[in-house]
Amino acid sequence: MSGLQGAVETAPVSRLHEKQSYDPADFPVPTGREEEWRFTPLRRLRSLHSDLGPADGKVSVVADAAPGVTIGNLEHGDSRLGIAYVPADRVSARAFASFAEATVVTVPAGSESSEPSWISVRGEGAEGAAFGHTLIDVGANARAVVVLDHSGSATYADNVELVVADGGSLTVVSLQGWADDTVHLSHHHAQLGRDAKLTHTAVTLGGSVIRLAPSVRYTGPGGDAELRGLYFADAGQHLEHRLFVDHAERNCRSRVSYKGALQGEDAHAVWIGDVIIRPEATGTDTYEYNRNLVLTDGTRVDSVPNLEILTGEVAGAGHASASGRLEDIHLFYLMARGIPFEDARRLVIRGFFGELIGRIEVPELRDRITAAVEAELT
């Protein structure tokens, strides 16, 4: 597809009874015909989805804990790991079975961190596959901000567990600033207790193939999840975000807001937003939104919101998806005031992303992301 061509659709696909297992052998090797893999370029995954890929990839993890927060390591097999989720696809299961050591962030109950904790993940070469695992464990009535900062070259698959106990609040910013040759497949699994809150922001700017899958599961009433995303796909990049919000408790809230831009031949952005409201999840309030700016011909956008409602007693439920070019009226308005076309174009794109960037809770990241978007436009 090129230019404004793309897919905006709703698919009759339910995740109510999806297969889950920690064993990769329980999942067949994807062929690309499966609903969950039909947009992903399997031939570019360097066999992360099978058992034939290279081994011994090098990825280093450096942690900087905020005051009151503890960051340590746990060996594979520790009983604290894997309690917040069960993998639902082969790559997630393979990553869980293959990592050697997990990074664990612990926020004690009742504590409140005024500074972000940083986990910097750096790839040291894309030649071999690497696997990782991160657990962020927020105690009851605790508050924390964690930044996951990815850079360098890698072939990498990992799982991130986000466990927020009753009354807790966790803000996560995941920055995918990889080098151009990186393939990264990641699942972020959030478990929210009673009246717990999660704010999750994904910023995806670098890499060759990136597939990020955040999911949320509520274990008590009153949970609140806000999932935000920003991505910019250049020529040849495949940037895929697959979200799943599972409303299984009453009076919970979710908001999903993702924005992306594309430019260059074969730039491809995929956004899948799955929300299920189960019969027992009365009082649910949910809305998901995706918007894409197509800046050149030769790009492709696939945007698929899915909303499955199994109870009539909801506070609100809806979704919206749109993909298109810059609006001429905005450019005309600026150019009529003496602003050259390229400067006007840059201002409109900056405004498109500006509101979302402005909501990121870490000021230094706001400046860094704004600069990175500006660099995409030069």
Protein backbone atom coordinates (compact mmCIF):
# COMPACT_ATOMS: atom_id res chain seq x y z
CA MET A 1 0.00 0.00 0.00
CA SER A 2 1.07 3.58 -0.40
CA GLY A 3 0.07 7.02 0.76
CA LEU A 4 -3.32 6.99 2.45
CA GLN A 5 -3.88 3.32 1.81
CA GLY A 6 -4.11 1.23 4.94
CA ALA A 7 -6.44 -0.87 7.03
CA VAL A 8 -8.89 0.42 9.58
CA GLU A 9 -11.05 -2.50 10.57
CA THR A 10 -12.69 -4.41 13.34
CA ALA A 11 -11.98 -8.13 13.44
CA PRO A 12 -14.24 -10.76 15.03
CA VAL A 13 -11.44 -12.12 17.15
CA SER A 14 -11.90 -13.01 20.82
CA ARG A 15 -9.10 -13.36 23.38
CA LEU A 16 -11.40 -14.81 26.01
CA HIS A 17 -9.90 -18.27 25.79
CA GLU A 18 -6.51 -17.70 24.21
CA LYS A 19 -3.90 -20.38 24.73
CA GLN A 20 -1.38 -19.73 27.52
CA SER A 21 1.71 -21.67 28.55
CA TYR A 22 5.24 -21.21 29.84
CA ASP A 23 6.48 -23.94 27.48
CA PRO A 24 7.41 -22.76 23.95
CA ALA A 25 6.70 -26.26 22.64
CA ASP A 26 3.00 -25.71 23.39
CA PHE A 27 2.88 -23.08 20.64
CA PRO A 28 3.39 -24.01 16.97
CA VAL A 29 5.90 -22.00 14.99
CA PRO A 30 3.94 -19.08 13.46
CA THR A 31 3.38 -19.15 9.72
CA GLY A 32 1.97 -15.65 9.31
CA ARG A 33 -1.55 -16.90 8.69
CA GLU A 34 -2.49 -16.61 12.37
CA GLU A 35 -4.48 -13.54 13.40
CA GLU A 36 -1.84 -12.49 15.96
CA TRP A 37 1.01 -12.79 13.43
CA ARG A 38 -0.53 -11.71 10.13
CA PHE A 39 1.01 -8.23 10.15
CA THR A 40 4.45 -9.22 11.47
CA PRO A 41 7.27 -9.84 8.93
CA LEU A 42 8.35 -13.26 10.22
CA ARG A 43 11.22 -13.53 7.75
CA ARG A 44 12.86 -10.54 9.47
CA LEU A 45 12.65 -11.89 13.04
CA ARG A 46 15.96 -13.81 12.82
CA SER A 47 14.10 -16.91 14.03
CA LEU A 48 13.13 -15.46 17.42
CA HIS A 49 9.73 -17.07 16.79
CA SER A 50 11.25 -20.52 16.18
CA ASP A 51 14.02 -22.65 17.64
CA LEU A 52 16.44 -22.15 14.79
CA GLY A 53 17.79 -18.72 15.62
CA PRO A 54 21.31 -17.75 16.66
CA ALA A 55 22.33 -17.87 20.32
CA ASP A 56 24.62 -16.02 22.69
CA GLY A 57 23.54 -12.50 21.90
CA LYS A 58 24.98 -9.78 24.13
CA VAL A 59 22.67 -7.38 25.92
CA SER A 60 23.79 -5.50 29.03
CA VAL A 61 21.49 -4.13 31.72
CA VAL A 62 22.51 -1.21 33.95
CA ALA A 63 20.17 -0.08 36.73
CA ASP A 64 20.00 3.15 38.71
CA ALA A 65 17.56 2.98 41.60
CA ALA A 66 15.76 6.02 42.97
CA PRO A 67 15.91 6.63 46.74
CA GLY A 68 13.80 4.08 48.58
CA VAL A 69 13.74 1.68 45.61
CA THR A 70 15.76 -1.54 45.45
CA ILE A 71 17.01 -3.05 42.18
CA GLY A 72 18.58 -6.50 42.18
CA ASN A 73 18.76 -9.74 40.23
CA LEU A 74 17.03 -13.11 40.47
CA GLU A 75 18.10 -16.29 38.76
CA HIS A 76 15.81 -18.10 36.35
CA GLY A 77 13.40 -20.32 38.23
CA ASP A 78 12.91 -18.07 41.24
CA SER A 79 9.33 -18.33 42.53
CA ARG A 80 8.76 -14.55 42.33
CA LEU A 81 9.05 -14.59 38.56
CA GLY A 82 6.18 -15.32 36.22
CA ILE A 83 3.35 -14.95 38.74
CA ALA A 84 1.74 -11.94 37.03
CA TYR A 85 1.11 -13.61 33.67
CA VAL A 86 1.29 -16.71 31.53
CA PRO A 87 2.76 -16.25 28.02
CA ALA A 88 0.20 -16.27 25.23
CA ASP A 89 2.53 -16.69 22.25
CA ARG A 90 5.67 -18.58 21.30
CA VAL A 91 8.10 -15.66 21.52
CA SER A 92 6.99 -14.67 25.02
CA ALA A 93 7.22 -18.29 26.16
CA ARG A 94 10.63 -18.69 24.56
CA ALA A 95 11.89 -15.53 26.25
CA PHE A 96 10.63 -16.77 29.63
CA ALA A 97 12.27 -20.15 29.15
CA SER A 98 15.59 -18.74 27.90
CA PHE A 99 16.64 -15.81 30.11
CA ALA A 100 19.39 -16.45 32.64
CA GLU A 101 18.86 -13.64 35.16
CA ALA A 102 16.01 -11.23 35.80
CA THR A 103 16.22 -7.59 36.83
CA VAL A 104 13.89 -6.95 39.78
CA VAL A 105 12.72 -3.51 40.89
CA THR A 106 11.13 -3.52 44.35
CA VAL A 107 9.14 -0.58 45.72
CA PRO A 108 8.26 -1.18 49.39
CA ALA A 109 4.68 -0.79 50.56
CA GLY A 110 3.78 2.75 51.55
CA SER A 111 6.90 4.32 50.03
CA GLU A 112 6.88 7.16 47.52
CA SER A 113 9.77 7.83 45.16
CA SER A 114 10.14 11.42 43.96
CA GLU A 115 12.71 10.49 41.28
CA PRO A 116 12.59 7.94 38.47
CA SER A 117 14.48 4.66 38.57
CA TRP A 118 16.31 3.82 35.35
CA ILE A 119 16.91 0.47 33.68
CA SER A 120 19.18 0.89 30.66
CA VAL A 121 19.22 -2.04 28.24
CA ARG A 122 21.95 -1.87 25.63
CA GLY A 123 22.55 -4.30 22.80
CA GLU A 124 26.14 -5.02 21.89
CA GLY A 125 25.51 -6.66 18.51
CA ALA A 126 22.64 -8.08 16.47
CA GLU A 127 24.45 -11.29 15.49
CA GLY A 128 23.11 -13.52 18.28
CA ALA A 129 19.75 -13.76 20.02
CA ALA A 130 19.39 -12.55 23.61
CA PHE A 131 16.54 -12.96 26.09
CA GLY A 132 15.60 -10.91 29.14
CA HIS A 133 13.16 -10.55 31.99
CA THR A 134 12.23 -7.60 34.22
CA LEU A 135 9.94 -7.54 37.25
CA ILE A 136 8.71 -4.24 38.69
CA ASP A 137 6.98 -4.96 42.01
CA VAL A 138 5.14 -2.03 43.62
CA GLY A 139 3.86 -2.58 47.15
CA ALA A 140 0.51 -1.50 48.56
CA ASN A 141 -0.04 2.27 48.55
CA ALA A 142 3.45 2.87 47.08
CA ARG A 143 4.34 5.27 44.24
CA ALA A 144 7.13 4.90 41.69
CA VAL A 145 8.35 5.96 38.25
CA VAL A 146 10.51 3.60 36.18
CA VAL A 147 12.19 4.30 32.83
CA LEU A 148 13.15 1.42 30.52
CA ASP A 149 15.74 2.81 28.10
CA HIS A 150 16.73 0.62 25.13
CA SER A 151 19.65 1.38 22.82
CA GLY A 152 22.37 -0.25 20.71
CA SER A 153 22.10 -3.21 18.30
CA ALA A 154 20.38 -6.43 19.30
CA THR A 155 18.24 -9.41 18.42
CA TYR A 156 16.23 -9.47 21.62
CA ALA A 157 13.05 -10.90 23.14
CA ASP A 158 11.91 -10.22 26.70
CA ASN A 159 9.05 -10.06 29.17
CA VAL A 160 8.38 -7.22 31.61
CA GLU A 161 6.14 -7.91 34.61
CA LEU A 162 4.46 -4.90 36.21
CA VAL A 163 2.83 -5.83 39.53
CA VAL A 164 1.00 -3.04 41.35
CA ALA A 165 -0.55 -3.97 44.69
CA ASP A 166 -3.71 -2.47 46.20
CA GLY A 167 -3.66 1.32 46.19
CA GLY A 168 -0.28 1.47 44.48
CA SER A 169 0.70 3.67 41.54
CA LEU A 170 3.30 2.92 38.87
CA THR A 171 4.43 5.07 35.97
CA VAL A 172 6.50 3.32 33.29
CA VAL A 173 8.13 4.94 30.27
CA SER A 174 9.60 2.47 27.78
CA LEU A 175 11.86 4.10 25.20
CA GLN A 176 12.81 2.04 22.14
CA GLY A 177 15.76 4.03 20.80
CA TRP A 178 17.51 1.07 19.17
CA ALA A 179 19.99 1.16 16.29
CA ASP A 180 18.66 0.59 12.78
CA ASP A 181 19.54 -3.15 12.69
CA THR A 182 17.72 -4.19 15.88
CA VAL A 183 14.91 -6.72 16.14
CA HIS A 184 13.07 -6.48 19.48
CA LEU A 185 9.95 -8.40 20.52
CA SER A 186 8.70 -7.52 24.00
CA HIS A 187 5.68 -8.24 26.16
CA HIS A 188 4.76 -5.94 29.07
CA HIS A 189 2.32 -7.69 31.42
CA ALA A 190 0.61 -5.53 34.07
CA GLN A 191 -1.34 -6.84 37.05
CA LEU A 192 -3.31 -4.21 38.98
CA GLY A 193 -4.76 -4.71 42.44
CA ARG A 194 -7.71 -2.95 44.05
CA ASP A 195 -7.66 0.82 43.33
CA ALA A 196 -4.19 0.49 41.76
CA LYS A 197 -3.07 2.79 38.96
CA LEU A 198 -0.74 2.25 36.01
CA THR A 199 0.47 4.83 33.52
CA HIS A 200 2.42 3.17 30.71
CA THR A 201 4.02 5.14 27.89
CA ALA A 202 5.76 3.48 24.93
CA VAL A 203 7.99 5.61 22.72
CA THR A 204 9.25 3.71 19.66
CA LEU A 205 11.64 5.51 17.35
CA GLY A 206 14.50 3.13 16.50
CA GLY A 207 15.02 -0.41 15.29
CA SER A 208 14.38 -2.48 12.20
CA VAL A 209 11.49 -4.60 13.53
CA ILE A 210 9.90 -3.70 16.87
CA ARG A 211 6.88 -5.54 18.24
CA LEU A 212 5.75 -4.34 21.67
CA ALA A 213 2.74 -5.91 23.37
CA PRO A 214 1.48 -4.24 26.59
CA SER A 215 -1.35 -6.01 28.43
CA VAL A 216 -3.33 -5.21 31.57
CA ARG A 217 -5.15 -7.54 33.94
CA TYR A 218 -7.16 -6.33 36.94
CA THR A 219 -7.27 -8.42 40.12
CA GLY A 220 -9.50 -6.10 42.15
CA PRO A 221 -12.12 -3.40 41.61
CA GLY A 222 -11.23 0.25 41.07
CA GLY A 223 -8.11 -0.31 38.94
CA ASP A 224 -7.06 2.42 36.52
CA ALA A 225 -4.80 1.93 33.48
CA GLU A 226 -3.65 4.63 31.09
CA LEU A 227 -1.68 3.34 28.10
CA ARG A 228 -0.01 5.90 25.82
CA GLY A 229 2.23 5.51 22.81
CA LEU A 230 4.25 7.50 20.31
CA TYR A 231 6.05 6.07 17.28
CA PHE A 232 7.74 7.33 14.11
CA ALA A 233 8.41 4.81 11.32
CA ASP A 234 11.05 5.57 8.68
CA ALA A 235 11.80 3.77 5.41
CA GLY A 236 11.94 0.01 5.91
CA GLN A 237 11.00 0.11 9.59
CA HIS A 238 8.28 -2.14 10.98
CA LEU A 239 6.88 -0.79 14.25
CA GLU A 240 4.08 -2.85 15.79
CA HIS A 241 2.16 -2.23 19.00
CA ARG A 242 -0.38 -4.80 20.18
CA LEU A 243 -2.38 -3.88 23.28
CA PHE A 244 -4.72 -6.00 25.37
CA VAL A 245 -6.83 -4.75 28.27
CA ASP A 246 -8.72 -7.48 30.11
CA HIS A 247 -11.56 -6.05 32.20
CA ALA A 248 -12.52 -8.84 34.58
CA GLU A 249 -13.27 -6.76 37.70
CA ARG A 250 -15.99 -4.23 38.38
CA ASN A 251 -15.60 -0.45 38.30
CA CYS A 252 -12.23 -0.38 36.53
CA ARG A 253 -11.07 2.19 34.01
CA SER A 254 -8.76 2.09 30.98
CA ARG A 255 -7.65 4.69 28.45
CA VAL A 256 -5.49 3.91 25.42
CA SER A 257 -4.04 6.71 23.28
CA TYR A 258 -1.41 6.04 20.60
CA LYS A 259 -0.12 8.37 17.89
CA GLY A 260 2.28 7.62 15.07
CA ALA A 261 3.85 9.10 11.96
CA LEU A 262 5.32 7.39 8.90
CA GLN A 263 7.63 8.45 6.12
CA GLY A 264 9.73 6.68 3.50
CA GLU A 265 9.39 3.63 1.29
CA ASP A 266 8.04 0.54 3.08
CA ALA A 267 7.65 2.23 6.46
CA HIS A 268 5.03 0.10 8.23
CA ALA A 269 3.12 0.83 11.44
CA VAL A 270 0.75 -1.65 13.08
CA TRP A 271 -1.52 -0.86 16.01
CA ILE A 272 -3.84 -3.50 17.48
CA GLY A 273 -6.07 -2.52 20.40
CA ASP A 274 -7.95 -5.40 22.05
CA VAL A 275 -10.30 -4.70 24.96
CA ILE A 276 -12.50 -7.32 26.60
CA ILE A 277 -15.19 -6.47 29.15
CA ARG A 278 -16.14 -9.73 30.83
CA PRO A 279 -19.64 -10.41 32.24
CA GLU A 280 -18.54 -9.70 35.81
CA ALA A 281 -16.85 -6.38 34.91
CA THR A 282 -19.82 -4.13 35.56
CA GLY A 283 -19.18 -0.40 35.75
CA THR A 284 -16.25 -0.55 33.31
CA ASP A 285 -15.15 2.71 31.69
CA THR A 286 -12.88 2.22 28.66
CA TYR A 287 -11.83 4.04 25.50
CA GLU A 288 -9.04 3.42 22.99
CA TYR A 289 -7.72 5.75 20.31
CA ASN A 290 -5.14 5.52 17.53
CA ARG A 291 -4.17 8.15 15.00
CA ASN A 292 -1.51 8.03 12.29
CA LEU A 293 0.05 10.74 10.15
CA VAL A 294 1.13 9.57 6.68
CA LEU A 295 3.88 11.93 5.55
CA THR A 296 4.99 10.34 2.25
CA ASP A 297 3.91 7.79 -0.32
CA GLY A 298 5.11 4.20 -0.02
CA THR A 299 4.05 3.67 3.58
CA ARG A 300 1.54 1.29 5.13
CA VAL A 301 -0.66 1.62 8.21
CA ASP A 302 -2.71 -1.15 9.81
CA SER A 303 -4.91 0.00 12.68
CA VAL A 304 -7.32 -2.52 14.23
CA PRO A 305 -9.39 -1.65 17.32
CA ASN A 306 -11.33 -4.56 18.85
CA LEU A 307 -13.89 -4.07 21.63
CA GLU A 308 -15.72 -7.08 23.05
CA ILE A 309 -18.44 -6.29 25.58
CA LEU A 310 -20.09 -9.11 27.51
CA THR A 311 -22.18 -7.06 29.94
CA GLY A 312 -24.68 -4.28 29.38
CA GLU A 313 -23.79 -2.56 32.65
CA VAL A 314 -20.86 -0.38 31.61
CA ALA A 315 -20.09 3.25 32.39
CA GLY A 316 -18.66 3.79 28.91
CA ALA A 317 -16.91 1.95 26.09
CA GLY A 318 -15.65 3.09 22.72
CA HIS A 319 -12.80 3.30 20.24
CA ALA A 320 -11.56 5.44 17.36
CA SER A 321 -8.92 5.02 14.68
CA ALA A 322 -7.81 7.34 11.88
CA SER A 323 -4.94 7.53 9.40
CA GLY A 324 -4.29 10.31 6.91
CA ARG A 325 -2.05 13.03 5.57
CA LEU A 326 -1.35 16.43 7.06
CA GLU A 327 -4.41 18.61 6.67
CA ASP A 328 -3.98 21.32 4.05
CA ILE A 329 -5.92 23.83 6.11
CA HIS A 330 -3.33 23.70 8.91
CA LEU A 331 -0.44 24.19 6.49
CA PHE A 332 -2.29 26.97 4.66
CA TYR A 333 -2.99 28.80 7.92
CA LEU A 334 0.69 28.89 8.81
CA MET A 335 1.96 29.62 5.30
CA ALA A 336 -0.52 32.50 4.97
CA ARG A 337 1.33 34.08 7.88
CA GLY A 338 4.66 33.93 6.15
CA ILE A 339 5.94 30.60 7.44
CA PRO A 340 7.72 28.52 4.73
CA PHE A 341 6.23 25.13 3.85
CA GLU A 342 8.92 22.97 5.50
CA ASP A 343 8.76 25.01 8.71
CA ALA A 344 4.95 24.87 8.68
CA ARG A 345 5.05 21.10 8.17
CA ARG A 346 7.44 20.71 11.07
CA LEU A 347 5.24 22.83 13.35
CA VAL A 348 2.13 20.79 12.55
CA ILE A 349 3.91 17.50 13.26
CA ARG A 350 5.37 18.91 16.45
CA GLY A 351 1.87 19.88 17.54
CA PHE A 352 0.53 16.42 16.63
CA PHE A 353 2.92 14.78 19.09
CA GLY A 354 3.26 17.69 21.53
CA GLU A 355 0.31 16.98 23.81
CA LEU A 356 1.36 13.37 24.33
CA ILE A 357 5.02 14.24 24.89
CA GLY A 358 4.00 16.94 27.35
CA ARG A 359 2.27 14.33 29.53
CA ILE A 360 5.42 12.22 30.00
CA GLU A 361 6.29 12.40 33.68
CA VAL A 362 10.09 12.62 33.29
CA PRO A 363 11.13 16.13 32.11
CA GLU A 364 14.48 15.09 30.67
CA LEU A 365 12.74 12.47 28.55
CA ARG A 366 10.35 15.06 27.16
CA ASP A 367 13.28 17.08 25.84
CA ARG A 368 15.04 14.00 24.51
CA ILE A 369 11.97 12.67 22.69
CA THR A 370 11.15 16.08 21.21
CA ALA A 371 14.70 16.31 19.86
CA ALA A 372 14.47 12.80 18.41
CA VAL A 373 11.20 13.64 16.59
CA GLU A 374 12.78 16.83 15.26
CA ALA A 375 15.72 14.77 13.97
CA GLU A 376 13.28 12.54 12.05
CA LEU A 377 12.03 15.60 10.17
CA THR A 378 15.39 16.89 8.97
